[in-house]
Amino acid sequence: MDNGRKNVKNKKRNKMYIEVLKISAHDIVN
């Protein structure tokens, strides 16, 4: 049960990290 909550937390963090990478890549391209 607790492990499931941990996975959700990690997924949210990964999503944020991907968004940051996308923004960074966009800045580098421009």
N, C-alpha and C. Protein backbone atom coordinates (compact mmCIF):
# COMPACT_ATOMS: atom_id res chain seq x y z
N MET A 1 0.84 -1.21 0.00
CA MET A 1 0.00 0.00 0.00
C MET A 1 0.88 1.26 0.00
N ASP A 2 1.80 1.30 0.95
CA ASP A 2 2.69 2.46 1.05
C ASP A 2 3.57 2.57 -0.18
N ASN A 3 3.98 1.42 -0.71
CA ASN A 3 4.83 1.40 -1.90
C ASN A 3 4.11 2.02 -3.09
N GLY A 4 2.82 1.78 -3.20
CA GLY A 4 2.03 2.34 -4.30
C GLY A 4 2.03 3.86 -4.25
N ARG A 5 1.90 4.39 -3.06
CA ARG A 5 1.90 5.84 -2.90
C ARG A 5 3.26 6.41 -3.31
N LYS A 6 4.30 5.68 -2.96
CA LYS A 6 5.67 6.09 -3.30
C LYS A 6 5.83 6.15 -4.82
N ASN A 7 5.28 5.16 -5.50
CA ASN A 7 5.38 5.11 -6.97
C ASN A 7 4.68 6.31 -7.59
N VAL A 8 3.52 6.66 -7.05
CA VAL A 8 2.77 7.81 -7.58
C VAL A 8 3.61 9.07 -7.41
N LYS A 9 4.25 9.19 -6.25
CA LYS A 9 5.09 10.35 -5.97
C LYS A 9 6.23 10.42 -6.98
N ASN A 10 6.85 9.28 -7.23
CA ASN A 10 7.97 9.23 -8.19
C ASN A 10 7.51 9.59 -9.59
N LYS A 11 6.33 9.11 -9.98
CA LYS A 11 5.81 9.43 -11.31
C LYS A 11 5.59 10.92 -11.46
N LYS A 12 5.03 11.55 -10.41
CA LYS A 12 4.80 12.99 -10.47
C LYS A 12 6.12 13.73 -10.59
N ARG A 13 7.12 13.27 -9.84
CA ARG A 13 8.43 13.93 -9.88
C ARG A 13 9.07 13.74 -11.24
N ASN A 14 8.93 12.55 -11.80
CA ASN A 14 9.49 12.27 -13.13
C ASN A 14 8.83 13.17 -14.18
N LYS A 15 7.52 13.35 -14.04
CA LYS A 15 6.79 14.18 -15.00
C LYS A 15 7.32 15.62 -14.93
N MET A 16 7.51 16.11 -13.71
CA MET A 16 8.03 17.46 -13.54
C MET A 16 9.42 17.57 -14.15
N TYR A 17 10.24 16.54 -13.91
CA TYR A 17 11.61 16.51 -14.41
C TYR A 17 11.62 16.55 -15.93
N ILE A 18 10.72 15.79 -16.55
CA ILE A 18 10.61 15.76 -18.01
C ILE A 18 10.21 17.14 -18.52
N GLU A 19 9.27 17.78 -17.83
CA GLU A 19 8.84 19.12 -18.24
C GLU A 19 10.01 20.09 -18.18
N VAL A 20 10.81 19.99 -17.12
CA VAL A 20 11.97 20.87 -16.97
C VAL A 20 12.96 20.62 -18.10
N LEU A 21 13.16 19.34 -18.43
CA LEU A 21 14.08 19.01 -19.53
C LEU A 21 13.58 19.58 -20.85
N LYS A 22 12.28 19.48 -21.08
CA LYS A 22 11.69 20.01 -22.32
C LYS A 22 11.93 21.51 -22.41
N ILE A 23 11.71 22.20 -21.29
CA ILE A 23 11.90 23.65 -21.26
C ILE A 23 13.37 23.98 -21.50
N SER A 24 14.27 23.25 -20.85
CA SER A 24 15.70 23.48 -21.01
C SER A 24 16.12 23.26 -22.45
N ALA A 25 15.64 22.17 -23.05
CA ALA A 25 15.98 21.86 -24.44
C ALA A 25 15.47 22.97 -25.35
N HIS A 26 14.29 23.47 -25.05
CA HIS A 26 13.69 24.54 -25.85
C HIS A 26 14.56 25.78 -25.77
N ASP A 27 15.04 26.10 -24.57
CA ASP A 27 15.89 27.28 -24.39
C ASP A 27 17.20 27.12 -25.15
N ILE A 28 17.75 25.92 -25.13
CA ILE A 28 19.02 25.67 -25.82
C ILE A 28 18.84 25.84 -27.33
N VAL A 29 17.73 25.32 -27.86
CA VAL A 29 17.46 25.41 -29.30
C VAL A 29 17.34 26.86 -29.73
N ASN A 30 16.67 27.67 -28.91
CA ASN A 30 16.46 29.07 -29.32
C ASN A 30 17.70 29.88 -29.08
